[in-house]
Protein backbone atom coordinates (compact mmCIF):
# COMPACT_ATOMS: atom_id res chain seq x y z
CA UNK A 1 175.50 77.37 168.84
CA UNK A 2 173.98 80.68 169.39
CA UNK A 3 174.01 83.51 166.70
CA UNK A 4 176.93 86.13 167.19
CA UNK A 5 176.85 89.55 165.89
CA UNK A 6 179.55 88.65 163.65
CA UNK A 7 176.98 86.21 161.83
CA UNK A 8 174.94 88.94 160.61
CA UNK A 9 177.22 90.08 157.72
CA UNK A 10 177.35 86.47 156.62
CA UNK A 11 173.48 86.28 156.54
CA UNK A 12 173.53 89.16 154.31
CA UNK A 13 176.21 88.01 152.01
CA UNK A 14 174.45 84.55 151.81
CA UNK A 15 171.35 86.36 150.54
CA UNK A 16 173.37 88.25 148.04
CA UNK A 17 174.93 85.19 146.80
CA UNK A 18 171.49 83.58 146.35
CA UNK A 19 170.14 86.58 144.73
CA UNK A 20 173.07 86.15 142.11
CA UNK A 21 171.94 82.56 141.25
CA UNK A 22 168.18 83.27 141.13
CA UNK A 23 166.74 83.68 137.65
CA UNK A 24 164.06 86.38 138.49
CA UNK A 25 163.29 89.93 137.55
CA UNK A 26 165.48 92.80 139.29
CA UNK A 27 162.28 94.17 141.11
CA UNK A 28 161.57 90.66 142.66
CA UNK A 29 165.31 90.43 143.70
CA UNK A 30 165.08 93.89 145.10
CA UNK A 31 162.07 93.22 147.08
CA UNK A 32 163.53 90.19 148.40
CA UNK A 33 166.67 91.86 149.52
CA UNK A 34 164.49 94.68 151.26
CA UNK A 35 162.52 91.99 153.19
CA UNK A 36 165.75 90.13 154.11
CA UNK A 37 167.28 93.34 155.48
CA UNK A 38 163.90 94.10 157.53
CA UNK A 39 164.06 90.44 158.90
CA UNK A 40 167.68 90.60 159.96
CA UNK A 41 166.84 93.94 161.84
CA UNK A 42 164.00 92.13 163.77
CA UNK A 43 165.40 88.55 164.21
CA UNK A 44 166.00 87.11 167.73
CA UNK A 45 169.64 86.64 168.23
CA UNK A 46 169.42 84.64 171.48
CA UNK A 47 167.48 81.51 171.07
CA UNK A 48 168.13 79.89 167.77
CA UNK A 49 171.35 78.65 165.95
CA UNK A 50 172.58 80.41 162.90
CA UNK A 51 171.35 77.91 160.18
CA UNK A 52 167.65 78.58 161.21
CA UNK A 53 168.14 82.22 160.18
CA UNK A 54 169.65 81.06 156.89
CA UNK A 55 166.50 79.00 156.34
CA UNK A 56 164.32 82.11 156.95
CA UNK A 57 166.39 84.22 154.51
CA UNK A 58 166.35 81.52 151.83
CA UNK A 59 162.56 81.17 152.31
CA UNK A 60 162.13 84.85 151.77
CA UNK A 61 164.05 84.71 148.49
CA UNK A 62 162.21 81.64 147.25
CA UNK A 63 158.80 83.34 147.98
CA UNK A 64 159.59 86.45 146.24
CA UNK A 65 161.36 84.97 143.25
CA UNK A 66 158.80 82.17 143.01
CA UNK A 67 161.60 79.71 142.47
CA UNK A 68 161.65 76.84 144.98
CA UNK A 69 164.99 75.49 144.08
CA UNK A 70 167.45 78.34 143.06
CA UNK A 71 170.49 75.86 143.25
CA UNK A 72 168.86 72.91 141.30
CA UNK A 73 171.37 73.23 138.50
CA UNK A 74 174.48 73.85 140.55
CA UNK A 75 173.49 70.81 142.59
CA UNK A 76 173.34 68.71 139.39
CA UNK A 77 176.62 70.09 138.13
CA UNK A 78 178.49 69.24 141.30
CA UNK A 79 176.95 65.83 141.46
CA UNK A 80 178.15 65.02 138.11
CA UNK A 81 181.63 66.64 138.72
CA UNK A 82 182.01 64.49 141.91
CA UNK A 83 180.89 61.28 139.87
CA UNK A 84 183.69 62.07 137.59
CA UNK A 85 186.14 62.11 140.56
CA UNK A 86 184.91 59.11 141.99
CA UNK A 87 187.05 56.47 140.40
CA UNK A 88 190.10 58.48 141.04
CA UNK A 89 189.30 59.07 144.62
CA UNK A 90 188.35 55.29 145.08
CA UNK A 91 191.78 54.31 143.76
CA UNK A 92 193.42 56.71 146.37
CA UNK A 93 191.56 55.13 149.13
CA UNK A 94 192.37 51.69 148.06
CA UNK A 95 196.03 52.34 147.77
CA UNK A 96 196.52 54.02 150.91
CA UNK A 97 197.93 52.48 154.05
CA UNK A 98 194.43 52.86 156.06
CA UNK A 99 191.64 53.10 153.57
CA UNK A 100 189.12 53.90 156.29
CA UNK A 101 191.12 56.78 157.60
CA UNK A 102 191.75 58.03 154.00
CA UNK A 103 187.84 57.87 153.28
CA UNK A 104 187.29 59.91 156.22
CA UNK A 105 189.61 62.62 155.13
CA UNK A 106 188.09 62.63 151.59
CA UNK A 107 184.61 62.93 153.19
CA UNK A 108 185.66 65.95 154.99
CA UNK A 109 187.35 67.41 151.89
CA UNK A 110 184.02 67.18 150.08
CA UNK A 111 182.45 69.66 152.48
CA UNK A 112 184.07 72.46 150.59
CA UNK A 113 181.18 72.29 148.17
CA UNK A 114 179.13 74.72 150.11
CA UNK A 115 177.08 77.48 148.50
CA UNK A 116 176.00 78.72 151.88
CA UNK A 117 179.32 80.33 152.54
CA UNK A 118 180.52 81.60 149.09
CA UNK A 119 178.84 82.54 145.79
CA UNK A 120 180.42 79.68 143.64
CA UNK A 121 182.76 76.90 144.40
CA UNK A 122 185.59 76.44 141.88
CA UNK A 123 186.55 73.11 140.65
CA UNK A 124 190.23 73.80 141.55
CA UNK A 125 189.09 74.55 145.12
CA UNK A 126 187.63 71.12 145.41
CA UNK A 127 191.01 69.55 144.22
CA UNK A 128 192.95 71.58 146.65
CA UNK A 129 190.50 70.60 149.33
CA UNK A 130 191.22 66.86 148.48
CA UNK A 131 195.02 67.40 148.59
CA UNK A 132 194.94 69.21 151.85
CA UNK A 133 192.71 66.52 153.44
CA UNK A 134 195.04 63.81 152.38
CA UNK A 135 198.04 65.54 153.78
CA UNK A 136 196.16 66.04 157.15
CA UNK A 137 196.77 63.82 160.09
CA UNK A 138 193.67 62.69 161.80
CA UNK A 139 193.50 62.56 165.86
CA UNK A 140 194.24 58.83 166.32
CA UNK A 141 192.33 58.86 169.64
CA UNK A 142 189.20 60.12 167.88
CA UNK A 143 189.69 57.79 164.90
CA UNK A 144 190.20 54.66 167.11
CA UNK A 145 187.27 55.62 169.28
CA UNK A 146 185.18 56.14 166.04
CA UNK A 147 186.11 52.63 164.76
CA UNK A 148 185.09 51.08 168.22
CA UNK A 149 181.70 52.94 168.14
CA UNK A 150 180.91 51.89 164.50
CA UNK A 151 181.59 48.33 165.50
CA UNK A 152 179.35 48.50 168.60
CA UNK A 153 176.57 50.39 167.06
CA UNK A 154 173.35 48.66 165.81
CA UNK A 155 171.86 51.56 164.12
CA UNK A 156 173.85 54.51 162.59
CA UNK A 157 172.41 57.76 161.44
CA UNK A 158 174.73 59.64 158.69
CA UNK A 159 173.62 63.08 158.47
CA UNK A 160 174.33 64.44 154.91
CA UNK A 161 174.91 67.89 153.86
CA UNK A 162 175.59 69.17 150.19
CA UNK A 163 174.89 67.93 146.86
CA UNK A 164 178.17 66.71 145.31
CA UNK A 165 179.58 66.23 148.76
CA UNK A 166 177.42 63.36 149.18
CA UNK A 167 179.37 61.32 146.70
CA UNK A 168 182.46 61.91 148.97
CA UNK A 169 180.16 60.42 151.95
CA UNK A 170 179.64 57.55 149.74
CA UNK A 171 183.23 56.82 149.67
CA UNK A 172 183.51 56.66 153.36
CA UNK A 173 180.16 54.61 153.73
CA UNK A 174 181.64 52.08 151.41
CA UNK A 175 184.12 51.25 154.09
CA UNK A 176 181.35 51.04 156.97
CA UNK A 177 178.80 48.43 157.63
CA UNK A 178 176.27 49.78 155.21
CA UNK A 179 173.41 47.45 156.67
CA UNK A 180 173.50 49.54 159.79
CA UNK A 181 173.45 52.93 158.17
CA UNK A 182 170.50 55.23 157.34
CA UNK A 183 171.64 58.22 155.25
CA UNK A 184 169.66 61.49 155.92
CA UNK A 185 169.04 64.43 153.43
CA UNK A 186 166.96 67.56 153.63
CA UNK A 187 163.12 67.36 153.31
CA UNK A 188 162.95 70.43 150.86
CA UNK A 189 165.34 72.50 148.78
CA UNK A 190 167.62 74.85 150.76
CA UNK A 191 170.85 76.45 149.24
CA UNK A 192 172.80 73.46 147.71
CA UNK A 193 171.99 71.10 150.35
CA UNK A 194 171.27 67.37 149.37
CA UNK A 195 167.79 66.07 148.65
CA UNK A 196 166.76 62.48 147.95
CA UNK A 197 167.27 63.04 144.19
CA UNK A 198 170.86 63.93 144.75
CA UNK A 199 171.47 60.77 146.93
CA UNK A 200 169.82 58.81 144.11
CA UNK A 201 172.00 60.30 141.39
CA UNK A 202 175.15 59.71 143.15
CA UNK A 203 174.36 55.97 143.85
CA UNK A 204 173.69 56.24 147.66
CA UNK A 205 170.28 54.75 147.40
CA UNK A 206 171.87 51.73 145.95
CA UNK A 207 174.01 50.99 149.12
CA UNK A 208 172.03 52.40 152.02
CA UNK A 209 168.60 53.40 153.20
CA UNK A 210 168.11 56.99 152.46
CA UNK A 211 165.38 59.23 154.23
CA UNK A 212 164.78 62.91 154.54
CA UNK A 213 164.49 64.78 157.81
CA UNK A 214 161.27 66.55 156.97
CA UNK A 215 162.88 70.04 157.03
CA UNK A 216 164.95 72.37 155.04
CA UNK A 217 167.07 74.19 157.69
CA UNK A 218 170.68 74.07 156.31
CA UNK A 219 171.40 71.91 159.31
CA UNK A 220 169.60 69.55 161.66
CA UNK A 221 167.37 71.61 163.85
CA UNK A 222 165.49 69.03 165.79
CA UNK A 223 162.73 71.21 166.58
CA UNK A 224 161.78 71.64 162.87
CA UNK A 225 162.23 67.95 161.90
CA UNK A 226 159.72 65.30 161.38
CA UNK A 227 158.73 63.05 164.18
CA UNK A 228 159.57 60.04 162.25
CA UNK A 229 163.14 61.46 161.89
CA UNK A 230 163.29 62.52 165.45
CA UNK A 231 162.39 58.84 166.51
CA UNK A 232 165.26 57.48 164.51
CA UNK A 233 167.44 60.06 165.81
CA UNK A 234 166.77 59.17 169.34
CA UNK A 235 167.19 55.38 168.88
CA UNK A 236 170.32 55.70 166.80
CA UNK A 237 173.46 54.58 168.68
CA UNK A 238 175.96 56.49 166.54
CA UNK A 239 175.35 59.82 164.42
CA UNK A 240 177.94 60.77 161.78
CA UNK A 241 177.32 64.57 161.13
CA UNK A 242 178.59 66.12 158.13
CA UNK A 243 179.13 69.61 157.47
CA UNK A 244 179.26 72.91 159.48
CA UNK A 245 175.39 73.60 159.56
CA UNK A 246 174.75 70.21 161.29
CA UNK A 247 177.59 71.08 163.72
CA UNK A 248 176.06 74.42 164.56
CA UNK A 249 172.56 72.83 165.19
CA UNK A 250 173.71 69.73 167.00
CA UNK A 251 176.94 70.65 168.74
CA UNK A 252 175.16 70.88 172.26
CA UNK A 253 172.84 67.86 171.86
CA UNK A 254 173.56 65.07 174.20
CA UNK A 255 174.13 61.95 171.78
CA UNK A 256 176.97 59.80 170.53
CA UNK A 257 177.85 62.27 167.58
CA UNK A 258 181.03 62.49 165.57
CA UNK A 259 181.27 65.76 163.58
CA UNK A 260 183.04 65.65 160.23
CA UNK A 261 183.65 69.19 158.52
CA UNK A 262 185.66 72.14 157.45
CA UNK A 263 185.44 75.22 159.68
CA UNK A 264 184.20 77.79 157.10
CA UNK A 265 183.72 80.90 159.31
CA UNK A 266 185.56 82.90 161.99
CA UNK A 267 182.67 82.46 164.53
CA UNK A 268 182.81 78.57 164.42
CA UNK A 269 186.62 78.46 164.35
CA UNK A 270 186.71 80.69 167.41
CA UNK A 271 184.10 78.64 169.24
CA UNK A 272 186.23 75.35 168.39
CA UNK A 273 189.65 77.05 168.79
CA UNK A 274 190.99 76.38 165.41
CA UNK A 275 191.77 78.23 162.20
CA UNK A 276 189.28 78.90 159.46
CA UNK A 277 189.49 76.20 156.81
CA UNK A 278 190.58 73.56 159.36
CA UNK A 279 189.79 69.90 158.82
CA UNK A 280 187.68 68.76 161.73
CA UNK A 281 186.90 65.19 163.02
CA UNK A 282 185.46 65.84 166.59
CA UNK A 283 184.41 63.10 168.83
CA UNK A 284 181.50 63.33 171.54
CA UNK A 285 184.17 63.27 174.51
CA UNK A 286 185.94 66.41 172.81
CA UNK A 287 182.60 68.29 172.40
CA UNK A 288 181.60 67.63 176.02
CA UNK A 289 185.01 68.98 177.12
CA UNK A 290 184.40 72.09 174.90
CA UNK A 291 180.96 72.71 176.17
CA UNK A 292 182.18 72.44 179.95
CA UNK A 293 185.00 75.01 179.18
């Protein structure tokens, strides 16, 4: 996806949200904001997807505040919160008519834990997202196609998104052939995106191979990722992409990618043709059709 003019207010809001979290002197925060505003006035709107701008803005704030991981405590908080929910969610899956379908819904529900969009995610919002997802009906054609692709694939890349959310990913992975799966986290801190330590804390490293993509774009921008990750990406038979940032950076890539996320902004909702807040499970076929339109 390319940047829309309507993305710019969100970039500024994201910077302000992060500056609320950063524990730094007021002068450093002011200087960071001035540099962010200057950057936004000079940035190229035509050639890169929105998450790359998010990376640049967060880098400015990290440099000015001299804090590499402003969201470290927030990530730990939501990892532990998700671990508390885990037994209850596992029970919901096991008692459902179709455990895999329910696990997919819950994986998408976890995408609400995103500090790139709002200043703070309330615990009640997570519970509401879970209830909403469980009531949602997945597109059966996409679901059955996904099941076929999982069965056929020899190597599956699962692209993670946020800390806390990755526990919801674990619930889905437990109903997939884990020996085929490589789970991918970010290479360096950015917002509340998951790192290797988050995957370790939530038990993902116990059930699948976990690697990082060598980059800290809050998405998967292949031009910035490590060569070792790109090699795996190219060889993968199936890619499961979690989160809006991964969608924004990969939606036009010609690979067998299934996108699982919640539409969190009007620009993305308009692009897809849905309402903000929609639960999305998109197949490669549906994405090809959208691109052709």
